[in-house]
Amino acid sequence: MTTASIIIPTYNRAKLVQEAIESVLRQTLDDVQVIVVDDGSTDGTGELLRSRYGERVRYFYQENSGRSAARNRGVVASSGRYVLFLDSDDLLLPQALEREVAYLDAHPDIGVVYTDGYFCDEAGRNVARIAPARPIHRPDTILEDLVLSNVILACHSVLVRRTALDAVGPPYFDEALRGTEDEDLWIRLAARGTAFAYLDVPTCQYRVHGSNASRYDPASPAFWKRRKSVTQSRFKILNANFFPRLGVETRERFFYGLLRFHLEGDEPARERALNSARFMELPSAARARLLYYLGVSNIVDAGEVVLGRDRLKEAIRLMPKSPKYRGILLLSGLGRPVLSAVIAARRWLSRVGKKEVPASPIGRGGLRPV
């Protein structure tokens, strides 16, 4: 059996995929299998790779079906004890596999090891380390942390033991997801009890450029596909069997991120989340807080005064003795500008008093004072 298989999905990136392949062929670990799955390229990728690499690279072509389908096909075709997923615009550093394989060989109880790396520009010049961009987390609480944010960030910073991978698939990646499929895989692995470990060495480069799948560009169709995928993956977590086993604080933070940010502008989906059994399983105080935050956001951020007041009233029904909720409801009757000014003042006082939640509410799904 091969030591490590590197799966590279690609689509119309004939030049970049060569750079990704070269970064694998330069590895200090010898026993490496390179598999490229071409997801319907029309730029001559297949002819170029066959002529340049021959049997050094196993090349497969499929009709355009998405990155998840390409990765799944690559796993089925691979034979390595360990598997790494490298996107065709990213790179591995020369000692990446040697270090990661050595770690997993020495720690048979660990199923997944992930590492540090660099963000780099289009030319491959390092810009910053990846680790500081990660939310605070611990490998031993990886499931709790992953449901709030993809703390791993770079898919190719991860080496997975095949036995762990086979325990969740096939299919390994959810082919209905576009842009959140790697996070979904890590969550499913963690939910099965797979042990994760962090190796504090840089092993990869994550290229930041204009065609990144995760870039923020509402004018791009890919942006809306990813947003839809984020919503799907959030509800998939919400409905998972493991969700009720998460800590109350984690579940509340998850709902905060879901309701305030992920479902922003999608009131039917918000109502679906608010009426879900998982929301009803939260303690009354947690539900009241979430309705309060959402009601304030409806009024202050979106100008939806009637809807916001209804949610504030529901928060009061759950926590009838809360003077804050009653006070904010009363102020909301004076109009959006008054309430906005009060909320802005409260947030300012919270920052001055150093009570602001340190993690980003978007990245961590954390609660912030309002």
Protein backbone atom coordinates (compact mmCIF):
# COMPACT_ATOMS: atom_id res chain seq x y z
CA MET A 1 0.00 0.00 0.00
CA THR A 2 1.24 3.46 -0.89
CA THR A 3 2.14 5.68 2.08
CA ALA A 4 0.25 8.82 1.02
CA SER A 5 -2.20 9.68 -1.75
CA ILE A 6 -2.63 13.30 -2.82
CA ILE A 7 -5.98 14.04 -4.45
CA ILE A 8 -6.02 17.12 -6.70
CA PRO A 9 -9.36 18.17 -8.25
CA THR A 10 -9.04 20.72 -11.04
CA TYR A 11 -11.12 22.69 -13.49
CA ASN A 12 -9.61 24.89 -16.23
CA ARG A 13 -6.41 25.57 -14.31
CA ALA A 14 -3.84 24.04 -16.63
CA LYS A 15 -1.00 26.26 -15.40
CA LEU A 16 -1.83 26.29 -11.70
CA VAL A 17 -2.42 22.55 -11.45
CA GLN A 18 1.11 21.96 -12.75
CA GLU A 19 2.47 24.06 -9.89
CA ALA A 20 0.37 22.04 -7.41
CA ILE A 21 1.68 18.77 -8.88
CA GLU A 22 5.28 19.98 -8.80
CA SER A 23 4.90 20.82 -5.11
CA VAL A 24 3.92 17.18 -4.51
CA LEU A 25 6.70 15.75 -6.65
CA ARG A 26 9.22 17.82 -4.65
CA GLN A 27 8.22 16.14 -1.39
CA THR A 28 11.00 14.66 0.74
CA LEU A 29 8.75 11.63 1.29
CA ASP A 30 9.29 9.23 -1.59
CA ASP A 31 6.27 6.93 -1.50
CA VAL A 32 3.61 9.35 -2.74
CA GLN A 33 0.75 8.80 -5.16
CA VAL A 34 -0.51 11.80 -7.14
CA ILE A 35 -4.08 11.64 -8.45
CA VAL A 36 -5.59 14.45 -10.52
CA VAL A 37 -9.31 14.41 -11.20
CA ASP A 38 -10.21 16.80 -14.03
CA ASP A 39 -13.74 18.06 -13.45
CA GLY A 40 -14.58 18.78 -17.09
CA SER A 41 -11.76 21.18 -18.09
CA THR A 42 -11.86 22.63 -21.60
CA ASP A 43 -8.39 24.23 -21.58
CA GLY A 44 -6.33 21.19 -22.61
CA THR A 45 -5.43 20.19 -19.04
CA GLY A 46 -5.53 16.46 -19.79
CA GLU A 47 -3.25 16.54 -22.82
CA LEU A 48 -0.77 18.79 -21.04
CA LEU A 49 -0.57 16.64 -17.90
CA ARG A 50 -0.29 13.36 -19.79
CA SER A 51 2.51 14.68 -21.98
CA ARG A 52 4.44 16.27 -19.11
CA TYR A 53 4.06 13.71 -16.32
CA GLY A 54 3.13 10.40 -17.92
CA GLU A 55 2.72 7.68 -15.31
CA ARG A 56 3.99 9.84 -12.47
CA VAL A 57 0.48 11.28 -12.19
CA ARG A 58 -2.73 9.27 -12.38
CA TYR A 59 -5.15 11.37 -14.40
CA PHE A 60 -8.93 10.96 -14.50
CA TYR A 61 -11.47 12.98 -16.44
CA GLN A 62 -15.14 13.41 -15.55
CA GLU A 63 -17.96 15.61 -16.77
CA ASN A 64 -18.26 18.74 -14.65
CA SER A 65 -19.81 17.56 -11.37
CA GLY A 66 -18.17 19.75 -8.74
CA ARG A 67 -15.12 19.56 -6.51
CA SER A 68 -16.70 17.14 -4.03
CA ALA A 69 -17.47 14.60 -6.75
CA ALA A 70 -13.91 14.95 -8.07
CA ARG A 71 -12.42 14.40 -4.64
CA ASN A 72 -14.65 11.38 -4.03
CA ARG A 73 -13.57 9.80 -7.30
CA GLY A 74 -9.95 10.44 -6.36
CA VAL A 75 -10.31 8.72 -3.00
CA VAL A 76 -11.87 5.64 -4.61
CA ALA A 77 -8.96 5.48 -7.09
CA SER A 78 -6.28 5.97 -4.44
CA SER A 79 -4.38 3.41 -2.39
CA GLY A 80 -2.50 5.41 0.27
CA ARG A 81 -2.59 4.70 3.98
CA TYR A 82 -2.96 8.45 4.37
CA VAL A 83 -4.86 10.90 2.17
CA LEU A 84 -4.43 14.63 1.57
CA PHE A 85 -6.69 16.90 -0.50
CA LEU A 86 -4.83 19.57 -2.44
CA ASP A 87 -6.77 22.10 -4.51
CA SER A 88 -5.18 22.86 -7.87
CA ASP A 89 -4.36 26.46 -6.96
CA ASP A 90 -2.58 25.59 -3.70
CA LEU A 91 0.85 24.22 -2.81
CA LEU A 92 2.61 21.90 -0.38
CA LEU A 93 5.95 22.77 1.19
CA PRO A 94 8.70 20.16 0.55
CA GLN A 95 8.67 18.47 3.99
CA ALA A 96 4.90 18.52 4.45
CA LEU A 97 4.16 14.85 3.96
CA GLU A 98 7.30 13.61 5.69
CA ARG A 99 6.37 15.53 8.84
CA GLU A 100 2.68 14.65 8.81
CA VAL A 101 3.22 10.97 8.03
CA ALA A 102 5.86 10.71 10.76
CA TYR A 103 3.39 12.18 13.24
CA LEU A 104 0.56 9.81 12.35
CA ASP A 105 2.93 6.83 12.29
CA ALA A 106 4.05 7.73 15.81
CA HIS A 107 0.49 8.35 17.06
CA PRO A 108 -1.76 5.48 15.91
CA ASP A 109 -4.63 6.80 18.05
CA ILE A 110 -4.82 10.00 15.97
CA GLY A 111 -6.93 9.92 12.81
CA VAL A 112 -6.39 13.45 11.55
CA VAL A 113 -3.42 15.77 11.83
CA TYR A 114 -3.57 19.39 10.70
CA THR A 115 -0.84 21.98 10.56
CA ASP A 116 0.07 25.60 10.01
CA GLY A 117 0.91 27.16 6.65
CA TYR A 118 1.09 30.43 4.74
CA PHE A 119 -1.33 32.59 2.84
CA CYS A 120 0.45 33.47 -0.39
CA ASP A 121 -0.24 35.72 -3.37
CA GLU A 122 -0.80 34.67 -6.98
CA ALA A 123 2.95 34.47 -7.57
CA GLY A 124 3.42 32.15 -4.59
CA ARG A 125 5.00 34.75 -2.29
CA ASN A 126 4.13 34.22 1.37
CA VAL A 127 1.98 36.96 2.86
CA ALA A 128 1.07 35.76 6.37
CA ARG A 129 0.86 32.64 8.52
CA ILE A 130 -2.48 30.84 8.63
CA ALA A 131 -2.53 30.07 12.37
CA PRO A 132 -3.23 33.63 13.59
CA ALA A 133 -6.34 33.73 11.37
CA ARG A 134 -7.86 30.74 13.13
CA PRO A 135 -10.39 31.27 15.90
CA ILE A 136 -9.23 30.07 19.29
CA HIS A 137 -9.78 26.32 19.58
CA ARG A 138 -8.30 23.08 20.90
CA PRO A 139 -7.92 19.75 19.05
CA ASP A 140 -9.58 17.94 21.97
CA THR A 141 -12.73 20.07 21.57
CA ILE A 142 -12.60 20.08 17.79
CA LEU A 143 -16.24 19.12 17.23
CA GLU A 144 -17.55 21.93 19.43
CA ASP A 145 -15.25 24.38 17.65
CA LEU A 146 -15.95 23.19 14.11
CA VAL A 147 -19.71 23.64 14.43
CA LEU A 148 -19.02 27.33 15.08
CA SER A 149 -16.37 27.90 12.43
CA ASN A 150 -14.01 26.02 10.13
CA VAL A 151 -11.03 26.38 12.44
CA ILE A 152 -8.84 24.30 10.11
CA LEU A 153 -9.13 26.80 7.21
CA ALA A 154 -6.77 25.11 4.74
CA CYS A 155 -7.94 21.73 3.49
CA HIS A 156 -4.43 20.80 2.33
CA SER A 157 -3.01 21.38 5.81
CA VAL A 158 -4.76 18.13 6.79
CA LEU A 159 -3.55 14.54 6.49
CA VAL A 160 -6.24 11.92 7.13
CA ARG A 161 -5.77 8.28 8.04
CA ARG A 162 -7.57 6.15 5.44
CA THR A 163 -9.27 4.00 8.06
CA ALA A 164 -10.83 7.16 9.55
CA LEU A 165 -11.88 8.36 6.11
CA ASP A 166 -13.48 5.03 5.22
CA ALA A 167 -15.49 5.15 8.46
CA VAL A 168 -17.51 8.12 7.13
CA GLY A 169 -17.74 7.25 3.44
CA PRO A 170 -18.19 6.72 0.60
CA PRO A 171 -19.30 9.28 -0.30
CA TYR A 172 -16.57 11.05 1.62
CA PHE A 173 -17.53 14.58 0.63
CA ASP A 174 -21.16 15.67 0.46
CA GLU A 175 -21.68 16.39 -3.24
CA ALA A 176 -24.66 18.64 -2.53
CA LEU A 177 -22.34 21.17 -0.88
CA ARG A 178 -20.26 23.68 -2.85
CA GLY A 179 -17.60 25.42 -0.80
CA THR A 180 -18.26 23.99 2.67
CA GLU A 181 -17.69 20.32 1.90
CA ASP A 182 -14.30 20.05 3.63
CA GLU A 183 -15.66 21.54 6.87
CA ASP A 184 -18.56 19.08 6.66
CA LEU A 185 -16.12 16.17 6.36
CA TRP A 186 -14.08 17.30 9.39
CA ILE A 187 -17.29 17.60 11.41
CA ARG A 188 -18.47 14.12 10.46
CA LEU A 189 -15.06 12.69 11.35
CA ALA A 190 -15.04 14.45 14.71
CA ALA A 191 -18.63 13.40 15.43
CA ARG A 192 -17.61 9.76 15.00
CA GLY A 193 -14.95 10.22 17.66
CA THR A 194 -11.93 10.51 15.35
CA ALA A 195 -9.06 12.09 17.27
CA PHE A 196 -7.56 15.27 15.80
CA ALA A 197 -4.09 16.65 16.52
CA TYR A 198 -2.36 19.89 15.62
CA LEU A 199 1.24 19.93 14.42
CA ASP A 200 2.64 23.42 14.81
CA VAL A 201 4.75 23.56 11.66
CA PRO A 202 4.01 25.20 8.28
CA THR A 203 3.39 22.58 5.60
CA CYS A 204 1.46 24.39 2.88
CA GLN A 205 0.65 27.56 0.99
CA TYR A 206 -2.92 28.77 0.54
CA ARG A 207 -3.03 30.92 -2.56
CA VAL A 208 -5.23 34.03 -2.32
CA HIS A 209 -6.37 35.29 -5.72
CA GLY A 210 -9.34 36.62 -7.66
CA SER A 211 -10.96 33.26 -8.38
CA ASN A 212 -10.89 31.72 -4.89
CA ALA A 213 -14.11 29.81 -4.29
CA SER A 214 -14.52 31.47 -0.88
CA ARG A 215 -13.98 35.09 -1.95
CA TYR A 216 -16.63 37.68 -1.07
CA ASP A 217 -18.10 38.85 -4.36
CA PRO A 218 -21.92 39.14 -4.49
CA ALA A 219 -21.67 39.77 -8.23
CA SER A 220 -20.28 36.27 -8.76
CA PRO A 221 -22.58 33.24 -9.22
CA ALA A 222 -20.06 31.26 -7.16
CA PHE A 223 -20.74 33.56 -4.19
CA TRP A 224 -24.44 32.64 -4.15
CA LYS A 225 -23.71 28.95 -4.63
CA ARG A 226 -21.41 29.10 -1.63
CA ARG A 227 -23.98 31.02 0.42
CA LYS A 228 -26.58 28.36 -0.37
CA SER A 229 -24.06 25.70 0.59
CA VAL A 230 -23.36 27.44 3.90
CA THR A 231 -27.07 27.43 4.70
CA GLN A 232 -27.34 23.74 3.78
CA SER A 233 -24.33 22.81 5.90
CA ARG A 234 -25.61 24.84 8.89
CA PHE A 235 -28.97 23.04 8.82
CA LYS A 236 -27.16 19.74 8.35
CA ILE A 237 -25.32 20.40 11.62
CA LEU A 238 -28.53 21.52 13.30
CA ASN A 239 -30.31 18.29 12.36
CA ALA A 240 -27.38 15.98 13.11
CA ASN A 241 -27.73 13.37 15.85
CA PHE A 242 -24.72 14.79 17.70
CA PHE A 243 -26.13 18.32 18.01
CA PRO A 244 -28.06 17.80 21.28
CA ARG A 245 -24.87 16.44 22.88
CA LEU A 246 -23.02 19.70 22.36
CA GLY A 247 -22.69 22.07 25.29
CA VAL A 248 -25.45 24.61 25.84
CA GLU A 249 -23.07 27.53 25.24
CA THR A 250 -21.91 26.02 21.94
CA ARG A 251 -25.48 25.44 20.77
CA GLU A 252 -26.46 29.00 21.70
CA ARG A 253 -23.44 30.42 19.85
CA PHE A 254 -24.28 28.26 16.86
CA PHE A 255 -27.82 29.64 16.74
CA TYR A 256 -26.53 33.18 17.15
CA GLY A 257 -24.31 32.87 14.08
CA LEU A 258 -27.03 31.07 12.15
CA LEU A 259 -29.80 33.55 12.90
CA ARG A 260 -27.85 36.80 12.86
CA PHE A 261 -25.48 36.20 9.95
CA HIS A 262 -25.82 33.00 7.93
CA LEU A 263 -29.58 33.46 7.42
CA GLU A 264 -29.52 37.24 7.14
CA GLY A 265 -32.22 38.33 4.70
CA ASP A 266 -33.83 34.88 4.61
CA GLU A 267 -36.77 35.14 7.01
CA PRO A 268 -38.40 31.82 6.02
CA ALA A 269 -35.18 30.00 6.89
CA ARG A 270 -34.91 31.95 10.13
CA GLU A 271 -38.42 30.91 11.08
CA ARG A 272 -37.57 27.31 10.26
CA ALA A 273 -34.60 27.50 12.64
CA LEU A 274 -36.62 29.23 15.38
CA ASN A 275 -39.38 26.63 15.15
CA SER A 276 -36.98 23.67 15.09
CA ALA A 277 -36.90 21.08 17.84
CA ARG A 278 -33.23 21.94 18.42
CA PHE A 279 -34.08 25.56 19.21
CA MET A 280 -36.87 24.48 21.56
CA GLU A 281 -34.39 22.23 23.39
CA LEU A 282 -32.35 25.25 24.49
CA PRO A 283 -32.99 26.64 27.99
CA SER A 284 -35.57 29.42 28.10
CA ALA A 285 -32.94 32.01 28.99
CA ALA A 286 -30.85 31.10 25.93
CA ARG A 287 -33.85 31.24 23.62
CA ALA A 288 -34.84 34.59 25.06
CA ARG A 289 -31.35 36.02 24.50
CA LEU A 290 -31.31 34.85 20.91
CA LEU A 291 -34.76 36.30 20.21
CA TYR A 292 -33.68 39.55 21.84
CA TYR A 293 -30.52 39.82 19.73
CA LEU A 294 -32.43 38.92 16.58
CA GLY A 295 -35.28 41.33 17.37
CA VAL A 296 -32.84 44.21 17.92
CA SER A 297 -31.08 43.35 14.67
CA ASN A 298 -34.39 43.27 12.81
CA ILE A 299 -35.19 46.78 13.99
CA VAL A 300 -31.77 48.48 14.00
CA ASP A 301 -30.03 46.79 11.06
CA ALA A 302 -32.92 45.91 8.76
CA GLY A 303 -35.62 48.40 9.71
CA GLU A 304 -38.11 45.56 10.28
CA VAL A 305 -39.79 47.18 13.29
CA VAL A 306 -42.93 45.04 13.52
CA LEU A 307 -41.04 41.77 13.17
CA GLY A 308 -38.38 42.92 15.61
CA ARG A 309 -40.94 43.95 18.22
CA ASP A 310 -42.69 40.58 17.88
CA ARG A 311 -39.41 38.82 18.64
CA LEU A 312 -38.74 41.10 21.61
CA LYS A 313 -42.20 40.25 22.95
CA GLU A 314 -41.44 36.55 22.60
CA ALA A 315 -38.18 37.06 24.51
CA ILE A 316 -40.18 38.75 27.29
CA ARG A 317 -42.67 35.87 27.34
CA LEU A 318 -39.76 33.51 28.01
CA MET A 319 -38.08 35.82 30.54
CA PRO A 320 -40.87 38.04 31.93
CA LYS A 321 -38.71 39.50 34.72
CA SER A 322 -36.02 40.90 32.42
CA PRO A 323 -35.96 44.72 32.71
CA LYS A 324 -33.55 44.97 29.77
CA TYR A 325 -35.89 43.22 27.35
CA ARG A 326 -38.87 45.29 28.52
CA GLY A 327 -36.86 48.49 28.31
CA ILE A 328 -35.68 47.80 24.77
CA LEU A 329 -39.22 46.94 23.69
CA LEU A 330 -40.43 50.22 25.14
CA LEU A 331 -37.66 52.17 23.37
CA SER A 332 -38.45 50.44 20.09
CA GLY A 333 -41.87 52.05 20.23
CA LEU A 334 -40.14 55.45 19.99
CA GLY A 335 -38.77 54.56 16.59
CA ARG A 336 -35.74 53.02 14.96
CA PRO A 337 -33.41 56.08 15.35
CA VAL A 338 -33.90 56.19 19.13
CA LEU A 339 -33.31 52.47 19.55
CA SER A 340 -30.28 52.61 17.25
CA ALA A 341 -28.72 55.36 19.34
CA VAL A 342 -29.28 53.45 22.57
CA ILE A 343 -27.84 50.23 21.19
CA ALA A 344 -24.81 52.07 19.79
CA ALA A 345 -24.21 53.59 23.22
CA ARG A 346 -24.48 50.19 24.93
CA ARG A 347 -21.98 48.66 22.52
CA TRP A 348 -19.58 51.56 23.06
CA LEU A 349 -19.80 51.21 26.84
CA SER A 350 -19.20 47.48 26.52
CA ARG A 351 -16.03 48.07 24.51
CA VAL A 352 -14.82 50.69 26.96
CA GLY A 353 -15.48 48.28 29.80
CA LYS A 354 -13.64 45.52 27.93
CA LYS A 355 -16.68 43.31 27.98
CA GLU A 356 -16.76 42.79 24.23
CA VAL A 357 -16.53 39.13 23.20
CA PRO A 358 -12.96 38.81 21.80
CA ALA A 359 -13.79 36.44 18.95
CA SER A 360 -15.51 37.68 15.81
CA PRO A 361 -19.29 37.10 16.02
CA ILE A 362 -19.25 36.05 12.37
CA GLY A 363 -16.30 33.71 12.59
CA ARG A 364 -17.14 32.11 15.90
CA GLY A 365 -20.86 32.63 16.08
CA GLY A 366 -20.19 34.41 19.36
CA LEU A 367 -22.56 36.67 21.24
CA ARG A 368 -21.83 40.37 21.37
CA PRO A 369 -23.39 42.90 23.74
CA VAL A 370 -26.36 44.88 22.41
